């Protein structure tokens, strides 16, 4: 059974790994088999915004594009929040149009996210990648219908164990993002925390993938 990587910036092409590779419109790589595409709040550029959104729309119509992301909100950068929200909402509209899940970068904007989701009646699944916050925020996100993905901070912050344990088994994903550690290391620790085998963890994450992305992974069963 394969390992599933919800979010990575590096395509490894390992035979036993299914990777959702993050792509940006302005540096798109054509030979990556499955990917997400989005405008990260750090890299919003109004001079090319319309071009980026148009390019994304062409890719979102393709079966190999599984999600829109990473996109989102970040209160700790200089880009005005009003502009971030405008770009985020335009991307939400595209995700809704093509019924693709959203993979989010979210920093200190949890209330804003919930308000936007409710105001726009977002119907597609939304996954917060690289989750690192406390159990209270995790519960708030789960109660509002979001999924959480764990990776770097699970490995590096032992206090995140209880947060991870509090997340229902059908509401989490695992990832590497940009870390040097392997996806297998993330799965090993997650399995230890949940007191299940690595094979059982693989089966659970695969079930979550199938539910959220509504895809059958050909050749990776």
C-alpha atoms as a PDB file:
ATOM      1  CA  UNK A   1       0.000   0.000   0.000  1.00  0.00           C
ATOM      2  CA  UNK A   2       1.384   3.442  -0.897  1.00  0.00           C
ATOM      3  CA  UNK A   3       2.131   6.444   1.244  1.00  0.00           C
ATOM      4  CA  UNK A   4       0.091   9.562   0.472  1.00  0.00           C
ATOM      5  CA  UNK A   5       1.736  12.974   0.711  1.00  0.00           C
ATOM      6  CA  UNK A   6      -0.872  15.731   0.954  1.00  0.00           C
ATOM      7  CA  UNK A   7       1.533  18.596   0.303  1.00  0.00           C
ATOM      8  CA  UNK A   8       5.074  18.723  -1.008  1.00  0.00           C
ATOM      9  CA  UNK A   9       7.170  21.098  -3.079  1.00  0.00           C
ATOM     10  CA  UNK A  10       9.429  18.312  -4.359  1.00  0.00           C
ATOM     11  CA  UNK A  11       8.354  15.555  -6.740  1.00  0.00           C
ATOM     12  CA  UNK A  12      10.279  12.392  -5.817  1.00  0.00           C
ATOM     13  CA  UNK A  13       8.485   9.939  -8.133  1.00  0.00           C
ATOM     14  CA  UNK A  14       8.900   7.105  -5.616  1.00  0.00           C
ATOM     15  CA  UNK A  15       7.060   3.968  -6.685  1.00  0.00           C
ATOM     16  CA  UNK A  16       5.318   3.560  -3.317  1.00  0.00           C
ATOM     17  CA  UNK A  17       4.360   7.212  -2.811  1.00  0.00           C
ATOM     18  CA  UNK A  18       1.506   9.298  -4.175  1.00  0.00           C
ATOM     19  CA  UNK A  19       2.418  12.973  -3.989  1.00  0.00           C
ATOM     20  CA  UNK A  20       0.256  16.054  -4.356  1.00  0.00           C
ATOM     21  CA  UNK A  21       2.938  18.415  -5.609  1.00  0.00           C
ATOM     22  CA  UNK A  22       2.441  22.131  -5.024  1.00  0.00           C
ATOM     23  CA  UNK A  23       2.639  24.185  -8.221  1.00  0.00           C
ATOM     24  CA  UNK A  24       2.552  27.926  -8.863  1.00  0.00           C
ATOM     25  CA  UNK A  25       1.202  29.369 -12.140  1.00  0.00           C
ATOM     26  CA  UNK A  26       4.380  31.367 -12.841  1.00  0.00           C
ATOM     27  CA  UNK A  27       6.740  28.369 -12.551  1.00  0.00           C
ATOM     28  CA  UNK A  28       4.582  25.473 -13.688  1.00  0.00           C
ATOM     29  CA  UNK A  29       6.259  22.132 -14.473  1.00  0.00           C
ATOM     30  CA  UNK A  30       4.402  20.103 -17.081  1.00  0.00           C
ATOM     31  CA  UNK A  31       5.712  16.615 -16.335  1.00  0.00           C
ATOM     32  CA  UNK A  32       4.452  16.335 -12.740  1.00  0.00           C
ATOM     33  CA  UNK A  33       1.634  13.751 -12.858  1.00  0.00           C
ATOM     34  CA  UNK A  34      -0.587  14.985  -9.988  1.00  0.00           C
ATOM     35  CA  UNK A  35      -0.521  18.422  -8.464  1.00  0.00           C
ATOM     36  CA  UNK A  36      -2.294  21.302  -6.815  1.00  0.00           C
ATOM     37  CA  UNK A  37      -2.034  24.803  -8.230  1.00  0.00           C
ATOM     38  CA  UNK A  38      -2.640  28.094  -6.470  1.00  0.00           C
ATOM     39  CA  UNK A  39      -1.457  31.559  -5.500  1.00  0.00           C
ATOM     40  CA  UNK A  40       0.252  31.566  -2.106  1.00  0.00           C
ATOM     41  CA  UNK A  41      -0.468  34.750  -0.121  1.00  0.00           C
ATOM     42  CA  UNK A  42       3.282  35.438   0.120  1.00  0.00           C
ATOM     43  CA  UNK A  43       3.571  35.642  -3.658  1.00  0.00           C
ATOM     44  CA  UNK A  44       0.573  37.732  -4.666  1.00  0.00           C
ATOM     45  CA  UNK A  45       1.611  39.994  -7.530  1.00  0.00           C
ATOM     46  CA  UNK A  46      -1.142  42.289  -8.769  1.00  0.00           C
ATOM     47  CA  UNK A  47       0.701  42.919 -12.051  1.00  0.00           C
ATOM     48  CA  UNK A  48       0.238  39.281 -13.067  1.00  0.00           C
ATOM     49  CA  UNK A  49      -2.809  38.314 -10.991  1.00  0.00           C
ATOM     50  CA  UNK A  50      -5.255  38.042 -13.889  1.00  0.00           C
ATOM     51  CA  UNK A  51      -2.776  35.943 -15.892  1.00  0.00           C
ATOM     52  CA  UNK A  52      -2.131  33.672 -12.929  1.00  0.00           C
ATOM     53  CA  UNK A  53      -5.845  33.107 -12.338  1.00  0.00           C
ATOM     54  CA  UNK A  54      -6.479  32.424 -16.022  1.00  0.00           C
ATOM     55  CA  UNK A  55      -3.622  29.924 -16.141  1.00  0.00           C
ATOM     56  CA  UNK A  56      -4.922  28.209 -13.008  1.00  0.00           C
ATOM     57  CA  UNK A  57      -8.355  27.890 -14.565  1.00  0.00           C
ATOM     58  CA  UNK A  58      -6.946  26.025 -17.563  1.00  0.00           C
ATOM     59  CA  UNK A  59      -5.192  23.548 -15.252  1.00  0.00           C
ATOM     60  CA  UNK A  60      -8.097  23.083 -12.839  1.00  0.00           C
ATOM     61  CA  UNK A  61     -10.080  21.571 -15.695  1.00  0.00           C
ATOM     62  CA  UNK A  62      -7.563  18.731 -16.062  1.00  0.00           C
ATOM     63  CA  UNK A  63      -7.860  15.420 -14.155  1.00  0.00           C
ATOM     64  CA  UNK A  64      -4.227  15.533 -13.030  1.00  0.00           C
ATOM     65  CA  UNK A  65      -4.929  18.756 -11.114  1.00  0.00           C
ATOM     66  CA  UNK A  66      -6.415  17.395  -7.892  1.00  0.00           C
ATOM     67  CA  UNK A  67      -6.731  20.558  -5.818  1.00  0.00           C
ATOM     68  CA  UNK A  68      -6.402  24.330  -5.701  1.00  0.00           C
ATOM     69  CA  UNK A  69      -3.577  25.444  -3.443  1.00  0.00           C
ATOM     70  CA  UNK A  70      -1.722  26.322  -1.685  1.00  0.00           C
ATOM     71  CA  UNK A  71      -3.643  29.498  -1.168  1.00  0.00           C
ATOM     72  CA  UNK A  72      -4.907  31.235   1.937  1.00  0.00           C
ATOM     73  CA  UNK A  73      -4.287  34.035   4.420  1.00  0.00           C
ATOM     74  CA  UNK A  74      -1.286  35.140   6.475  1.00  0.00           C
ATOM     75  CA  UNK A  75      -1.499  37.950   9.015  1.00  0.00           C
ATOM     76  CA  UNK A  76       2.263  38.032   9.551  1.00  0.00           C
ATOM     77  CA  UNK A  77       3.243  39.369   6.152  1.00  0.00           C
ATOM     78  CA  UNK A  78       3.164  42.878   4.701  1.00  0.00           C
ATOM     79  CA  UNK A  79       0.664  42.201   1.929  1.00  0.00           C
ATOM     80  CA  UNK A  80      -2.600  43.927   2.972  1.00  0.00           C
ATOM     81  CA  UNK A  81      -5.222  41.582   4.351  1.00  0.00           C
ATOM     82  CA  UNK A  82      -7.880  43.095   2.111  1.00  0.00           C
ATOM     83  CA  UNK A  83      -5.853  42.114  -0.962  1.00  0.00           C
ATOM     84  CA  UNK A  84      -5.161  38.655   0.454  1.00  0.00           C
ATOM     85  CA  UNK A  85      -8.873  38.087   1.045  1.00  0.00           C
ATOM     86  CA  UNK A  86      -9.746  39.311  -2.462  1.00  0.00           C
ATOM     87  CA  UNK A  87      -7.268  36.898  -4.070  1.00  0.00           C
ATOM     88  CA  UNK A  88      -8.311  34.074  -1.752  1.00  0.00           C
ATOM     89  CA  UNK A  89     -11.979  34.526  -2.587  1.00  0.00           C
ATOM     90  CA  UNK A  90     -11.258  34.528  -6.311  1.00  0.00           C
ATOM     91  CA  UNK A  91      -9.481  31.204  -5.858  1.00  0.00           C
ATOM     92  CA  UNK A  92     -12.357  29.823  -3.804  1.00  0.00           C
ATOM     93  CA  UNK A  93     -14.673  30.702  -6.696  1.00  0.00           C
ATOM     94  CA  UNK A  94     -12.481  28.690  -9.075  1.00  0.00           C
ATOM     95  CA  UNK A  95     -12.369  25.732  -6.687  1.00  0.00           C
ATOM     96  CA  UNK A  96     -16.147  25.801  -6.451  1.00  0.00           C
ATOM     97  CA  UNK A  97     -16.551  26.103 -10.211  1.00  0.00           C
ATOM     98  CA  UNK A  98     -14.405  23.049 -10.894  1.00  0.00           C
ATOM     99  CA  UNK A  99     -15.214  21.210  -7.644  1.00  0.00           C
ATOM    100  CA  UNK A 100     -11.613  20.850  -6.501  1.00  0.00           C
ATOM    101  CA  UNK A 101     -10.585  20.761  -2.818  1.00  0.00           C
ATOM    102  CA  UNK A 102      -8.635  23.677  -1.353  1.00  0.00           C
ATOM    103  CA  UNK A 103      -5.211  23.270   0.300  1.00  0.00           C
ATOM    104  CA  UNK A 104      -4.543  26.213   2.588  1.00  0.00           C
ATOM    105  CA  UNK A 105      -1.627  28.124   4.014  1.00  0.00           C
ATOM    106  CA  UNK A 106      -3.137  29.810   7.054  1.00  0.00           C
ATOM    107  CA  UNK A 107      -1.369  31.936   9.659  1.00  0.00           C
ATOM    108  CA  UNK A 108      -3.230  33.694  12.498  1.00  0.00           C
ATOM    109  CA  UNK A 109      -6.407  34.078  10.430  1.00  0.00           C
ATOM    110  CA  UNK A 110      -8.649  31.292  11.700  1.00  0.00           C
ATOM    111  CA  UNK A 111     -11.644  33.505  12.483  1.00  0.00           C
ATOM    112  CA  UNK A 112     -11.394  35.138   9.081  1.00  0.00           C
ATOM    113  CA  UNK A 113     -11.315  31.724   7.397  1.00  0.00           C
ATOM    114  CA  UNK A 114     -14.424  30.503   9.202  1.00  0.00           C
ATOM    115  CA  UNK A 115     -16.255  33.737   8.364  1.00  0.00           C
ATOM    116  CA  UNK A 116     -15.328  33.492   4.677  1.00  0.00           C
ATOM    117  CA  UNK A 117     -16.347  29.831   4.484  1.00  0.00           C
ATOM    118  CA  UNK A 118     -19.724  30.582   6.017  1.00  0.00           C
ATOM    119  CA  UNK A 119     -20.352  33.748   4.011  1.00  0.00           C
ATOM    120  CA  UNK A 120     -19.518  32.098   0.691  1.00  0.00           C
ATOM    121  CA  UNK A 121     -21.120  28.762   1.584  1.00  0.00           C
ATOM    122  CA  UNK A 122     -18.025  26.912   0.409  1.00  0.00           C
ATOM    123  CA  UNK A 123     -18.947  23.343  -0.500  1.00  0.00           C
ATOM    124  CA  UNK A 124     -15.594  21.835  -1.519  1.00  0.00           C
ATOM    125  CA  UNK A 125     -13.350  20.208   1.113  1.00  0.00           C
ATOM    126  CA  UNK A 126     -10.806  22.539   2.711  1.00  0.00           C
ATOM    127  CA  UNK A 127      -7.523  21.209   4.133  1.00  0.00           C
ATOM    128  CA  UNK A 128      -5.259  23.274   6.390  1.00  0.00           C
ATOM    129  CA  UNK A 129      -1.757  22.086   5.609  1.00  0.00           C
ATOM    130  CA  UNK A 130       1.116  22.145   8.102  1.00  0.00           C
ATOM    131  CA  UNK A 131      -1.155  22.380  11.136  1.00  0.00           C
ATOM    132  CA  UNK A 132       0.700  23.398  14.291  1.00  0.00           C
ATOM    133  CA  UNK A 133      -1.814  24.992  16.644  1.00  0.00           C
ATOM    134  CA  UNK A 134      -3.423  23.895  19.907  1.00  0.00           C
ATOM    135  CA  UNK A 135      -6.255  21.494  20.605  1.00  0.00           C
ATOM    136  CA  UNK A 136      -8.821  24.289  20.940  1.00  0.00           C
ATOM    137  CA  UNK A 137      -8.110  25.649  17.458  1.00  0.00           C
ATOM    138  CA  UNK A 138      -8.002  22.129  16.055  1.00  0.00           C
ATOM    139  CA  UNK A 139     -11.463  21.433  17.479  1.00  0.00           C
ATOM    140  CA  UNK A 140     -12.787  24.726  16.118  1.00  0.00           C
ATOM    141  CA  UNK A 141     -11.507  23.838  12.649  1.00  0.00           C
ATOM    142  CA  UNK A 142     -12.874  20.288  12.779  1.00  0.00           C
ATOM    143  CA  UNK A 143     -16.255  21.534  14.048  1.00  0.00           C
ATOM    144  CA  UNK A 144     -16.401  23.928  11.095  1.00  0.00           C
ATOM    145  CA  UNK A 145     -15.805  21.162   8.585  1.00  0.00           C
ATOM    146  CA  UNK A 146     -12.103  21.561   7.830  1.00  0.00           C
ATOM    147  CA  UNK A 147      -9.469  18.849   7.456  1.00  0.00           C
ATOM    148  CA  UNK A 148      -6.002  19.134   9.030  1.00  0.00           C
ATOM    149  CA  UNK A 149      -2.688  17.985   7.563  1.00  0.00           C
ATOM    150  CA  UNK A 150       0.343  17.265   9.752  1.00  0.00           C
ATOM    151  CA  UNK A 151       4.035  17.009   8.933  1.00  0.00           C
ATOM    152  CA  UNK A 152       6.938  19.186  10.008  1.00  0.00           C
ATOM    153  CA  UNK A 153       5.492  20.341  13.308  1.00  0.00           C
ATOM    154  CA  UNK A 154       4.341  16.847  14.243  1.00  0.00           C
ATOM    155  CA  UNK A 155       7.960  15.719  13.970  1.00  0.00           C
ATOM    156  CA  UNK A 156       9.482  18.716  15.727  1.00  0.00           C
ATOM    157  CA  UNK A 157       6.990  19.625  18.457  1.00  0.00           C
ATOM    158  CA  UNK A 158       6.142  16.833  20.946  1.00  0.00           C
ATOM    159  CA  UNK A 159       3.312  18.987  22.337  1.00  0.00           C
ATOM    160  CA  UNK A 160       1.456  18.461  19.063  1.00  0.00           C
ATOM    161  CA  UNK A 161       0.902  14.792  19.966  1.00  0.00           C
ATOM    162  CA  UNK A 162      -2.256  15.519  21.966  1.00  0.00           C
ATOM    163  CA  UNK A 163      -3.558  17.786  19.219  1.00  0.00           C
ATOM    164  CA  UNK A 164      -3.038  15.047  16.644  1.00  0.00           C
ATOM    165  CA  UNK A 165      -4.706  12.483  18.899  1.00  0.00           C
ATOM    166  CA  UNK A 166      -7.734  14.756  19.267  1.00  0.00           C
ATOM    167  CA  UNK A 167      -8.345  14.838  15.501  1.00  0.00           C
ATOM    168  CA  UNK A 168     -10.790  12.167  14.262  1.00  0.00           C
ATOM    169  CA  UNK A 169      -9.173   9.558  12.053  1.00  0.00           C
ATOM    170  CA  UNK A 170     -11.264  10.558   9.050  1.00  0.00           C
ATOM    171  CA  UNK A 171     -10.212  14.214   9.220  1.00  0.00           C
ATOM    172  CA  UNK A 172      -6.408  14.261   8.900  1.00  0.00           C
ATOM    173  CA  UNK A 173      -3.714  13.963   6.245  1.00  0.00           C
ATOM    174  CA  UNK A 174       0.077  13.639   6.377  1.00  0.00           C
ATOM    175  CA  UNK A 175       2.671  15.618   4.426  1.00  0.00           C
ATOM    176  CA  UNK A 176       6.310  16.649   4.079  1.00  0.00           C
ATOM    177  CA  UNK A 177       5.998  20.190   2.662  1.00  0.00           C
ATOM    178  CA  UNK A 178       9.649  21.357   2.445  1.00  0.00           C
ATOM    179  CA  UNK A 179      11.264  19.303   5.231  1.00  0.00           C
ATOM    180  CA  UNK A 180      14.294  17.068   4.721  1.00  0.00           C
ATOM    181  CA  UNK A 181      12.746  14.245   6.740  1.00  0.00           C
ATOM    182  CA  UNK A 182      10.988  11.540   4.755  1.00  0.00           C
ATOM    183  CA  UNK A 183       7.275  10.903   4.463  1.00  0.00           C
ATOM    184  CA  UNK A 184       7.907   7.484   6.018  1.00  0.00           C
ATOM    185  CA  UNK A 185       9.207   9.224   9.154  1.00  0.00           C
ATOM    186  CA  UNK A 186       6.012  11.261   9.386  1.00  0.00           C
ATOM    187  CA  UNK A 187       3.900   8.111   9.017  1.00  0.00           C
ATOM    188  CA  UNK A 188       5.991   6.250  11.599  1.00  0.00           C
ATOM    189  CA  UNK A 189       5.493   8.901  14.254  1.00  0.00           C
ATOM    190  CA  UNK A 190       1.815   9.373  13.412  1.00  0.00           C
ATOM    191  CA  UNK A 191       1.307   5.614  13.713  1.00  0.00           C
ATOM    192  CA  UNK A 192       3.051   5.548  17.097  1.00  0.00           C
ATOM    193  CA  UNK A 193       0.881   8.389  18.357  1.00  0.00           C
ATOM    194  CA  UNK A 194      -2.345   6.715  17.194  1.00  0.00           C
ATOM    195  CA  UNK A 195      -1.155   3.293  18.446  1.00  0.00           C
ATOM    196  CA  UNK A 196      -1.742   1.602  15.101  1.00  0.00           C
ATOM    197  CA  UNK A 197       0.538  -0.067  12.561  1.00  0.00           C
ATOM    198  CA  UNK A 198       2.033   1.853   9.666  1.00  0.00           C
ATOM    199  CA  UNK A 199      -0.088  -0.289   7.343  1.00  0.00           C
ATOM    200  CA  UNK A 200      -3.239   0.722   9.224  1.00  0.00           C
ATOM    201  CA  UNK A 201      -2.164   4.360   8.986  1.00  0.00           C
ATOM    202  CA  UNK A 202      -1.642   3.997   5.236  1.00  0.00           C
ATOM    203  CA  UNK A 203      -5.110   2.465   4.905  1.00  0.00           C
ATOM    204  CA  UNK A 204      -6.705   5.285   6.902  1.00  0.00           C
ATOM    205  CA  UNK A 205      -4.981   8.058   4.949  1.00  0.00           C
ATOM    206  CA  UNK A 206      -5.862   6.355   1.658  1.00  0.00           C
ATOM    207  CA  UNK A 207      -9.521   6.278   2.739  1.00  0.00           C
ATOM    208  CA  UNK A 208      -9.346   9.993   3.567  1.00  0.00           C
ATOM    209  CA  UNK A 209      -7.789  10.710   0.174  1.00  0.00           C
ATOM    210  CA  UNK A 210     -10.462   8.758  -1.661  1.00  0.00           C
ATOM    211  CA  UNK A 211     -13.191  10.621   0.201  1.00  0.00           C
ATOM    212  CA  UNK A 212     -11.838  14.150  -0.262  1.00  0.00           C
ATOM    213  CA  UNK A 213     -10.324  13.937  -3.738  1.00  0.00           C
ATOM    214  CA  UNK A 214     -12.802  11.433  -5.141  1.00  0.00           C
ATOM    215  CA  UNK A 215     -10.092   9.733  -7.185  1.00  0.00           C
ATOM    216  CA  UNK A 216      -8.856   6.188  -7.632  1.00  0.00           C
ATOM    217  CA  UNK A 217      -5.075   6.189  -7.675  1.00  0.00           C
ATOM    218  CA  UNK A 218      -4.199   4.081 -10.689  1.00  0.00           C
ATOM    219  CA  UNK A 219      -1.056   2.038 -10.249  1.00  0.00           C
ATOM    220  CA  UNK A 220      -0.626   3.050  -6.613  1.00  0.00           C
ATOM    221  CA  UNK A 221      -2.945   0.568  -4.926  1.00  0.00           C
END
